[in-house]
Amino acid sequence: MSYVDTSLAVEVRAGLLDEVLANLPAFLSGASVERAGPVNAAAELLNLPAGDLRRVIATHAVLSAPVRALMDDLALGLRRPLTSSVRPRVATRAVTSAIDWAATVRYRATSNPLGDVWVTRPANRVFDIDENRALSWLLATIQERADVAGTADRDASAPWLREIRETSETVRAKRRTAWLESVPATWPGDAVYPRLNADRGGFYRLRVATATRYLRRLLIDPDPADVVKALCERYFEPSRDWQLFEIAVVLRICRHFEAAYVRVDRPSLLIGGRGPFASYRSRTDGREIRIWYQAWPPSTAPSELNDALTHYAISSAGTRPDIVCEVLLNGKPARAIVLELKASRSASYLAAGLSQLLGYLRDRPALTSTESSGWLVPLDGLSFTERPAEGRSMWVVDASVVAERLIDAVG
C-alpha cells in the first residue's frame, strides 16, 4: 500500500492506548531478561531505532510533572540554596569575627608576644554539599535529556518541542549561577535522600528529591510500565495510529491465547524478528500455535513473488502481512491464517485490504488454501453484519472479536 488511511477518533485512540498500556509491560518483562532491561526489550520488540527510543524517553522525562514542577520553582530555589559552613582559624590584627581565646593564647605563646594578633574563627559558607551535588546532577541530566529530545526533525513548531527547548535554555543559564558552577554534577549516592527530605524550605524536599527519584528510575533503572507509559504518551502519535491499532490487536490475540493455551517460550521480536512473536501449546493435544507479526513463517514458503523478484533482479523486500497465525500438528505445519489489519472504516480502504489478502493467499498457497485463510480486520464497530465465509478464502472479522474467532478457528 502506498498510503495509510488512518485517523482514529479520540475515544477509540484512548481505548487502544489503555489496552497497550495494560498488556505490553508483561511482554517487556518476559523479554527484558534476555535483552538487558525493558528499554532494550522495547527497542527490539517494537523494532525501534535506538535514537527514536532515546528521544521518546527523553521527551517523556523532560515533560514529566516532577520536572515541570522543578522548573517552575527553580529560580527561587537557586536564590535560597542549602549551605554548610566551615570555621577556619585565622591569625589577624583586625577582629571581624568571634575570637578563639584558647587558640590566641597558644599563638602568642609561640610567636612574637609584642604583636596584637588575635586568632578568629570566621564562618565561611560552603556550597559543595551532597544536597547541591544532587541538584547539580539533576540539572545536568535535564539539560542532557532536553538536548536529546530537542533533536526531533519533525513538528519543529509543536508546543511540546518549544517547551523542551525553552527548558534546555533555562537550565543552561541557571547552571551558570556563581555558587552552582563550583558544585560538581556528580550523584552523591542514595543516602542523600534523607538530607533532601530534611529541607525545611521545601524546594529540595518537594522539588529536587521528587524529580531526582523520578529521573533516576526512568533513565537508569526503569521498569516495563515506565517504558510503556513513555511509548504510549510520546511515541504513538496520531500519525502512528495504524501501528497502535496493530500492536493493540496482536497483544489482544496473545492475551486470549495465554488464557486458553500454554505459552511455549518468551516473546521474540514483535517487529522484524526471525521467529514468531509468541508460541503456545494446547493443553489437550499436540497442537502448537505460533503468532507472527510483520513476518512470514518459513513453512509458508516458497513465495512466487520472491521468486519473481529474484529472477528479474528487482531489489525489494517483498511483502509481509500484519499477522500470521501458524498452526502446527505434532510439530508439522498444518495451516496458516493471514490477518490484514486496517485501522479505518473507509469502504475503499477496506476493499484495498481485501485485494492485499488475495495477493498474500495467491503468493503463499501451501498453508492458505483452506476456507477463511485470509482475514480482514477493520476497526471495532464497523457497520457491517458478520457473515460466514461460505467457502470463500477471505473473511471480514471485527477487531473486537478477532481474538475469540481465532481461538475458535484453530480449535
Protein backbone atom coordinates (compact mmCIF):
# COMPACT_ATOMS: atom_id res chain seq x y z
CA MET A 1 0.00 0.00 0.00
CA SER A 2 1.34 3.43 -0.90
CA TYR A 3 -0.71 5.28 1.69
CA VAL A 4 -2.17 4.75 5.13
CA ASP A 5 -5.76 5.81 5.66
CA THR A 6 -5.92 6.06 9.44
CA SER A 7 -7.50 8.72 11.62
CA LEU A 8 -8.78 7.39 14.91
CA ALA A 9 -11.43 9.11 16.95
CA VAL A 10 -10.20 10.43 20.30
CA GLU A 11 -12.12 7.87 22.34
CA VAL A 12 -11.01 4.97 20.10
CA ARG A 13 -7.39 6.05 20.32
CA ALA A 14 -7.60 6.41 24.12
CA GLY A 15 -9.03 2.91 24.39
CA LEU A 16 -6.24 1.40 22.30
CA LEU A 17 -3.59 3.24 24.33
CA ASP A 18 -5.11 1.91 27.55
CA GLU A 19 -5.05 -1.60 26.11
CA VAL A 20 -1.39 -1.37 25.11
CA LEU A 21 -0.55 0.22 28.46
CA ALA A 22 -2.19 -2.72 30.23
CA ASN A 23 -0.84 -5.59 28.10
CA LEU A 24 2.61 -4.61 26.77
CA PRO A 25 4.51 -4.47 30.12
CA ALA A 26 4.04 -8.21 30.59
CA PHE A 27 5.75 -8.91 27.26
CA LEU A 28 8.58 -6.50 28.05
CA SER A 29 9.08 -8.18 31.43
CA GLY A 30 9.48 -11.55 29.77
CA ALA A 31 11.81 -10.22 27.09
CA SER A 32 13.99 -7.96 29.24
CA VAL A 33 15.66 -10.94 30.91
CA GLU A 34 17.43 -11.70 27.64
CA ARG A 35 17.72 -8.14 26.37
CA ALA A 36 19.34 -6.32 29.30
CA GLY A 37 16.35 -4.41 30.56
CA PRO A 38 12.95 -3.18 29.40
CA VAL A 39 14.36 -0.33 27.31
CA ASN A 40 16.34 -2.70 25.10
CA ALA A 41 13.41 -5.10 25.10
CA ALA A 42 11.08 -2.34 23.88
CA ALA A 43 13.54 -1.30 21.18
CA GLU A 44 13.74 -4.86 19.88
CA LEU A 45 10.13 -5.89 20.36
CA LEU A 46 8.89 -2.81 18.52
CA ASN A 47 11.90 -2.63 16.20
CA LEU A 48 12.50 0.98 17.19
CA PRO A 49 15.74 2.66 16.15
CA ALA A 50 17.84 3.33 19.23
CA GLY A 51 17.79 7.08 18.55
CA ASP A 52 13.99 7.17 18.35
CA LEU A 53 13.58 5.35 21.64
CA ARG A 54 16.11 7.63 23.35
CA ARG A 55 14.16 10.67 22.15
CA VAL A 56 10.86 9.16 23.28
CA ILE A 57 12.11 8.53 26.82
CA ALA A 58 13.96 11.86 26.96
CA THR A 59 10.82 13.72 25.86
CA HIS A 60 8.75 11.86 28.43
CA ALA A 61 11.28 12.73 31.14
CA VAL A 62 11.55 16.45 30.39
CA LEU A 63 7.78 16.92 30.06
CA SER A 64 7.00 14.91 33.20
CA ALA A 65 5.15 16.51 36.10
CA PRO A 66 8.13 16.35 38.55
CA VAL A 67 10.46 18.11 36.10
CA ARG A 68 7.89 20.75 35.19
CA ALA A 69 7.28 21.46 38.89
CA LEU A 70 11.03 21.79 39.45
CA MET A 71 11.34 24.26 36.58
CA ASP A 72 8.52 26.40 37.99
CA ASP A 73 10.37 26.84 41.31
CA LEU A 74 13.97 26.71 40.05
CA ALA A 75 14.72 30.45 40.06
CA LEU A 76 13.56 30.90 43.67
CA GLY A 77 15.27 27.70 44.80
CA LEU A 78 18.64 28.80 43.42
CA ARG A 79 18.36 32.08 45.33
CA ARG A 80 17.98 30.17 48.61
CA PRO A 81 20.42 27.26 48.41
CA LEU A 82 21.26 24.95 51.26
CA THR A 83 24.78 25.52 52.57
CA SER A 84 27.18 24.30 55.19
CA SER A 85 29.89 26.32 56.93
CA VAL A 86 33.50 25.92 57.99
CA ARG A 87 35.21 27.98 60.67
CA PRO A 88 38.96 28.01 59.98
CA ARG A 89 41.33 29.60 62.49
CA VAL A 90 42.75 32.86 61.15
CA ALA A 91 45.53 34.87 62.83
CA THR A 92 44.81 38.56 62.23
CA ARG A 93 45.24 42.01 63.69
CA ALA A 94 41.74 43.05 62.58
CA VAL A 95 38.99 41.36 64.56
CA THR A 96 35.97 40.85 62.31
CA SER A 97 34.54 37.68 63.84
CA ALA A 98 34.46 35.68 67.05
CA ILE A 99 37.82 35.33 68.84
CA ASP A 100 39.14 31.88 69.69
CA TRP A 101 40.77 32.77 73.03
CA ALA A 102 42.47 29.43 73.60
CA ALA A 103 44.00 29.49 70.13
CA THR A 104 45.01 33.12 70.62
CA VAL A 105 46.87 32.30 73.85
CA ARG A 106 48.67 29.37 72.22
CA TYR A 107 49.58 31.51 69.18
CA ARG A 108 51.04 34.31 71.30
CA ALA A 109 52.98 31.83 73.43
CA THR A 110 54.82 30.53 70.37
CA SER A 111 55.22 33.75 68.39
CA ASN A 112 56.17 37.43 68.86
CA PRO A 113 54.40 38.49 72.08
CA LEU A 114 54.60 42.17 71.19
CA GLY A 115 52.14 42.00 68.34
CA ASP A 116 48.42 42.37 68.94
CA VAL A 117 47.47 39.28 66.98
CA TRP A 118 44.17 37.52 67.50
CA VAL A 119 43.01 34.11 66.31
CA THR A 120 39.46 34.34 64.99
CA ARG A 121 37.03 31.76 63.59
CA PRO A 122 35.12 33.39 60.70
CA ALA A 123 32.24 31.34 59.28
CA ASN A 124 32.62 30.63 55.56
CA ARG A 125 29.67 29.35 53.54
CA VAL A 126 30.24 26.08 51.68
CA PHE A 127 28.01 25.21 48.72
CA ASP A 128 29.67 21.92 47.76
CA ILE A 129 27.45 19.65 49.85
CA ASP A 130 25.59 16.48 48.90
CA GLU A 131 22.22 18.21 48.53
CA ASN A 132 23.67 20.65 45.98
CA ARG A 133 25.54 17.88 44.19
CA ALA A 134 22.21 16.14 43.75
CA LEU A 135 20.72 19.37 42.38
CA SER A 136 23.68 19.88 40.05
CA TRP A 137 23.37 16.29 38.78
CA LEU A 138 19.64 16.79 38.28
CA LEU A 139 20.05 19.96 36.22
CA ALA A 140 22.83 18.44 34.10
CA THR A 141 20.62 15.41 33.41
CA ILE A 142 17.62 17.54 32.48
CA GLN A 143 19.74 19.61 30.11
CA GLU A 144 21.22 16.50 28.51
CA ARG A 145 17.79 14.85 28.07
CA ALA A 146 16.28 18.10 26.77
CA ASP A 147 19.05 18.36 24.17
CA VAL A 148 18.35 14.76 23.08
CA ALA A 149 14.59 15.32 22.90
CA GLY A 150 15.07 18.59 21.04
CA THR A 151 16.80 16.88 18.12
CA ALA A 152 13.44 15.77 16.66
CA ASP A 153 13.36 16.70 12.99
CA ARG A 154 9.59 16.97 12.71
CA ASP A 155 6.92 19.23 14.21
CA ALA A 156 9.51 21.93 14.86
CA SER A 157 6.74 24.35 15.88
CA ALA A 158 4.95 21.90 18.17
CA PRO A 159 4.28 23.38 21.65
CA TRP A 160 5.90 20.41 23.40
CA LEU A 161 9.09 20.83 21.38
CA ARG A 162 9.20 24.55 22.11
CA GLU A 163 8.79 23.78 25.82
CA ILE A 164 11.68 21.31 25.72
CA ARG A 165 13.98 23.79 24.03
CA GLU A 166 13.00 26.53 26.48
CA THR A 167 13.72 24.12 29.33
CA SER A 168 17.16 23.42 27.89
CA GLU A 169 17.96 27.13 27.56
CA THR A 170 16.70 27.91 31.08
CA VAL A 171 18.69 25.10 32.71
CA ARG A 172 21.82 26.01 30.76
CA ALA A 173 21.57 29.60 32.04
CA LYS A 174 20.80 28.60 35.64
CA ARG A 175 23.76 26.23 35.78
CA ARG A 176 25.96 29.32 35.30
CA THR A 177 24.81 30.68 38.67
CA ALA A 178 28.01 31.62 40.53
CA TRP A 179 27.62 29.34 43.53
CA LEU A 180 26.34 26.39 41.47
CA GLU A 181 29.22 26.43 38.97
CA SER A 182 31.61 25.25 41.69
CA VAL A 183 29.46 22.23 42.60
CA PRO A 184 30.29 19.01 40.68
CA ALA A 185 27.41 17.42 38.76
CA THR A 186 28.08 14.02 40.32
CA TRP A 187 25.48 11.87 42.01
CA PRO A 188 26.30 11.73 45.76
CA GLY A 189 24.51 8.43 46.35
CA ASP A 190 21.06 7.45 47.54
CA ALA A 191 21.99 8.39 51.10
CA VAL A 192 21.30 11.99 50.04
CA TYR A 193 17.52 11.48 50.03
CA PRO A 194 17.06 11.80 53.84
CA ARG A 195 19.07 15.02 53.71
CA LEU A 196 16.94 16.36 50.86
CA ASN A 197 13.79 15.45 52.75
CA ALA A 198 15.02 17.36 55.81
CA ASP A 199 14.90 20.68 53.95
CA ARG A 200 12.53 22.99 55.80
CA GLY A 201 12.21 25.41 52.90
CA GLY A 202 10.59 22.79 50.70
CA PHE A 203 12.50 23.23 47.42
CA TYR A 204 14.95 20.38 47.98
CA ARG A 205 12.35 18.21 49.72
CA LEU A 206 9.43 18.75 47.32
CA ARG A 207 11.13 19.50 44.02
CA VAL A 208 14.70 18.20 43.94
CA ALA A 209 14.06 14.89 45.73
CA THR A 210 10.89 14.13 43.73
CA ALA A 211 12.38 14.96 40.32
CA THR A 212 15.61 13.12 41.12
CA ARG A 213 13.84 9.92 42.18
CA TYR A 214 11.72 10.01 39.05
CA LEU A 215 14.56 10.63 36.59
CA ARG A 216 16.91 8.10 38.14
CA ARG A 217 14.19 5.45 37.93
CA LEU A 218 13.17 6.31 34.37
CA LEU A 219 16.65 6.82 32.92
CA ILE A 220 18.76 4.41 34.98
CA ASP A 221 16.52 1.62 36.25
CA PRO A 222 13.10 1.80 34.56
CA ASP A 223 10.52 -0.91 34.91
CA PRO A 224 8.43 -2.12 31.94
CA ALA A 225 5.45 0.02 32.97
CA ASP A 226 7.62 3.17 32.84
CA VAL A 227 8.83 2.38 29.33
CA VAL A 228 5.36 1.52 28.02
CA LYS A 229 3.89 4.68 29.53
CA ALA A 230 6.57 6.73 27.75
CA LEU A 231 5.79 4.98 24.48
CA CYS A 232 2.04 5.43 24.84
CA GLU A 233 2.30 9.11 25.72
CA ARG A 234 5.12 10.18 23.40
CA TYR A 235 5.59 7.62 20.61
CA PHE A 236 2.15 6.61 19.38
CA GLU A 237 1.29 9.96 17.87
CA PRO A 238 -1.78 10.29 15.63
CA SER A 239 0.44 9.69 12.60
CA ARG A 240 1.17 6.24 14.04
CA ASP A 241 -2.43 5.25 14.70
CA TRP A 242 -2.09 2.35 12.30
CA GLN A 243 0.78 0.90 14.32
CA LEU A 244 -1.01 1.50 17.61
CA PHE A 245 -4.01 -0.44 16.26
CA GLU A 246 -1.86 -3.32 15.05
CA ILE A 247 0.07 -3.67 18.30
CA ALA A 248 -3.13 -3.48 20.35
CA VAL A 249 -4.70 -6.25 18.28
CA VAL A 250 -1.68 -8.57 18.35
CA LEU A 251 -1.43 -8.15 22.14
CA ARG A 252 -5.17 -8.79 22.41
CA ILE A 253 -4.76 -12.03 20.46
CA CYS A 254 -1.81 -13.14 22.61
CA ARG A 255 -3.70 -12.39 25.80
CA HIS A 256 -6.55 -14.67 24.74
CA PHE A 257 -4.18 -17.45 23.69
CA GLU A 258 -2.41 -17.26 27.04
CA ALA A 259 -5.74 -17.90 28.74
CA ALA A 260 -6.59 -20.91 26.54
CA TYR A 261 -3.14 -22.39 25.87
CA VAL A 262 0.29 -22.69 27.50
CA ARG A 263 2.99 -20.29 26.38
CA VAL A 264 5.97 -22.18 24.97
CA ASP A 265 8.71 -19.59 25.35
CA ARG A 266 9.41 -15.91 25.94
CA PRO A 267 8.20 -13.42 23.33
CA SER A 268 10.56 -12.81 20.42
CA LEU A 269 10.82 -9.64 18.38
CA LEU A 270 7.42 -8.11 17.80
CA ILE A 271 8.53 -6.39 14.61
CA GLY A 272 11.18 -7.64 12.24
CA GLY A 273 12.09 -10.77 14.15
CA ARG A 274 13.32 -14.02 12.63
CA GLY A 275 10.91 -16.05 14.73
CA PRO A 276 7.31 -15.89 15.93
CA PHE A 277 6.42 -13.21 18.43
CA ALA A 278 4.77 -15.77 20.71
CA SER A 279 4.17 -19.55 20.70
CA TYR A 280 1.51 -21.54 22.53
CA ARG A 281 0.79 -25.23 23.03
CA SER A 282 -2.57 -26.90 23.55
CA ARG A 283 -3.18 -28.48 26.95
CA THR A 284 -5.00 -31.45 25.42
CA ASP A 285 -3.29 -32.44 22.17
CA GLY A 286 -0.19 -31.83 20.08
CA ARG A 287 -1.29 -28.54 18.53
CA GLU A 288 1.08 -25.58 18.68
CA ILE A 289 0.09 -22.05 17.71
CA ARG A 290 2.65 -19.50 16.60
CA ILE A 291 1.81 -15.80 16.26
CA TRP A 292 3.91 -13.96 13.69
CA TYR A 293 3.80 -10.18 13.38
CA GLN A 294 5.06 -8.44 10.24
CA ALA A 295 6.73 -11.65 9.07
CA TRP A 296 6.03 -14.83 7.10
CA PRO A 297 6.56 -18.22 8.74
CA PRO A 298 9.19 -20.24 6.84
CA SER A 299 6.61 -23.02 6.47
CA THR A 300 4.60 -20.85 4.05
CA ALA A 301 7.45 -20.77 1.51
CA PRO A 302 8.07 -20.86 -1.39
CA SER A 303 6.92 -17.40 -2.41
CA GLU A 304 6.09 -16.81 -6.05
CA LEU A 305 6.60 -13.09 -5.57
CA ASN A 306 10.08 -13.51 -4.08
CA ASP A 307 10.97 -15.90 -6.88
CA ALA A 308 9.95 -13.30 -9.47
CA LEU A 309 11.87 -10.55 -7.68
CA THR A 310 14.98 -12.70 -7.67
CA HIS A 311 14.56 -13.84 -11.27
CA TYR A 312 14.18 -10.31 -12.62
CA ALA A 313 16.79 -8.83 -10.26
CA ILE A 314 14.32 -6.40 -8.72
CA SER A 315 15.56 -5.09 -5.40
CA SER A 316 12.70 -5.37 -2.93
CA ALA A 317 11.97 -6.95 0.42
CA GLY A 318 8.71 -8.33 -0.92
CA THR A 319 5.52 -8.15 1.12
CA ARG A 320 4.63 -9.23 4.62
CA PRO A 321 1.22 -9.46 6.27
CA ASP A 322 0.34 -7.83 9.56
CA ILE A 323 -0.27 -11.06 11.48
CA VAL A 324 0.03 -14.75 10.62
CA CYS A 325 -1.38 -17.42 12.93
CA GLU A 326 0.51 -20.64 12.15
CA VAL A 327 -0.95 -23.96 13.33
CA LEU A 328 1.28 -27.00 13.84
CA LEU A 329 0.05 -30.55 14.49
CA ASN A 330 2.58 -32.86 16.11
CA GLY A 331 5.33 -30.45 15.15
CA LYS A 332 4.36 -30.20 11.47
CA PRO A 333 2.85 -27.02 9.93
CA ALA A 334 -0.80 -27.66 9.04
CA ARG A 335 -2.42 -24.29 8.42
CA ALA A 336 -1.79 -20.54 8.34
CA ILE A 337 -4.34 -17.78 8.81
CA VAL A 338 -3.28 -14.42 7.40
CA LEU A 339 -4.68 -11.29 9.08
CA GLU A 340 -4.64 -7.89 7.39
CA LEU A 341 -5.44 -5.10 9.87
CA LYS A 342 -6.98 -1.80 8.81
CA ALA A 343 -7.43 0.97 11.37
CA SER A 344 -10.09 2.54 9.20
CA ARG A 345 -13.79 2.43 8.37
CA SER A 346 -13.33 3.67 4.80
CA ALA A 347 -15.00 1.26 2.36
CA SER A 348 -12.42 1.89 -0.37
CA TYR A 349 -9.53 1.34 2.03
CA LEU A 350 -11.06 -1.89 3.31
CA ALA A 351 -11.59 -3.06 -0.27
CA ALA A 352 -7.90 -2.44 -0.90
CA GLY A 353 -7.21 -4.61 2.15
CA LEU A 354 -9.15 -7.47 0.58
CA SER A 355 -7.05 -7.06 -2.54
CA GLN A 356 -3.91 -7.34 -0.40
CA LEU A 357 -5.22 -10.51 1.16
CA LEU A 358 -5.81 -12.04 -2.26
CA GLY A 359 -2.20 -11.30 -3.14
CA TYR A 360 -0.93 -12.93 0.06
CA LEU A 361 -3.02 -16.08 -0.45
CA ARG A 362 -2.03 -16.36 -4.12
CA ASP A 363 1.63 -15.88 -3.26
CA ARG A 364 1.78 -18.47 -0.46
CA PRO A 365 -0.84 -21.16 -1.17
CA ALA A 366 0.91 -24.01 0.69
CA LEU A 367 -0.84 -23.42 4.02
CA THR A 368 -3.51 -20.90 3.00
CA SER A 369 -5.69 -22.89 0.60
CA THR A 370 -8.47 -23.70 3.06
CA GLU A 371 -11.63 -21.68 3.64
CA SER A 372 -11.24 -18.40 5.54
CA SER A 373 -7.46 -18.34 5.38
CA GLY A 374 -7.35 -14.58 4.83
CA TRP A 375 -8.98 -12.32 7.44
CA LEU A 376 -9.61 -8.60 7.03
CA VAL A 377 -9.72 -6.99 10.48
CA PRO A 378 -11.13 -3.43 10.50
CA LEU A 379 -11.67 -1.12 13.45
CA ASP A 380 -14.14 -2.11 16.12
CA GLY A 381 -17.73 -1.13 15.50
CA LEU A 382 -17.75 -1.17 11.71
CA SER A 383 -21.34 -1.10 10.49
CA PHE A 384 -21.48 -4.49 8.82
CA THR A 385 -23.06 -7.79 9.73
CA GLU A 386 -20.63 -10.59 10.35
CA ARG A 387 -21.34 -13.40 7.92
CA PRO A 388 -19.86 -16.86 7.41
CA ALA A 389 -17.35 -17.15 4.57
CA GLU A 390 -19.42 -19.88 2.86
CA GLY A 391 -16.43 -21.39 1.11
CA ARG A 392 -14.64 -18.08 0.41
CA SER A 393 -10.94 -17.77 1.07
CA MET A 394 -11.44 -14.40 2.80
CA TRP A 395 -13.40 -13.38 5.87
CA VAL A 396 -14.11 -9.98 7.45
CA VAL A 397 -13.82 -10.05 11.25
CA ASP A 398 -14.38 -7.14 13.63
CA ALA A 399 -11.30 -6.32 15.73
CA SER A 400 -13.34 -6.55 18.93
CA VAL A 401 -13.89 -10.31 18.43
CA VAL A 402 -10.91 -11.33 16.30
CA ALA A 403 -9.09 -12.99 19.23
CA GLU A 404 -12.08 -15.16 20.12
CA ARG A 405 -12.67 -16.06 16.48
CA LEU A 406 -9.02 -17.05 16.09
CA ILE A 407 -9.23 -19.34 19.11
CA ASP A 408 -12.30 -20.98 17.59
CA ALA A 409 -10.65 -21.33 14.16
CA VAL A 410 -7.56 -23.16 15.39
CA GLY A 411 -9.64 -25.46 17.60
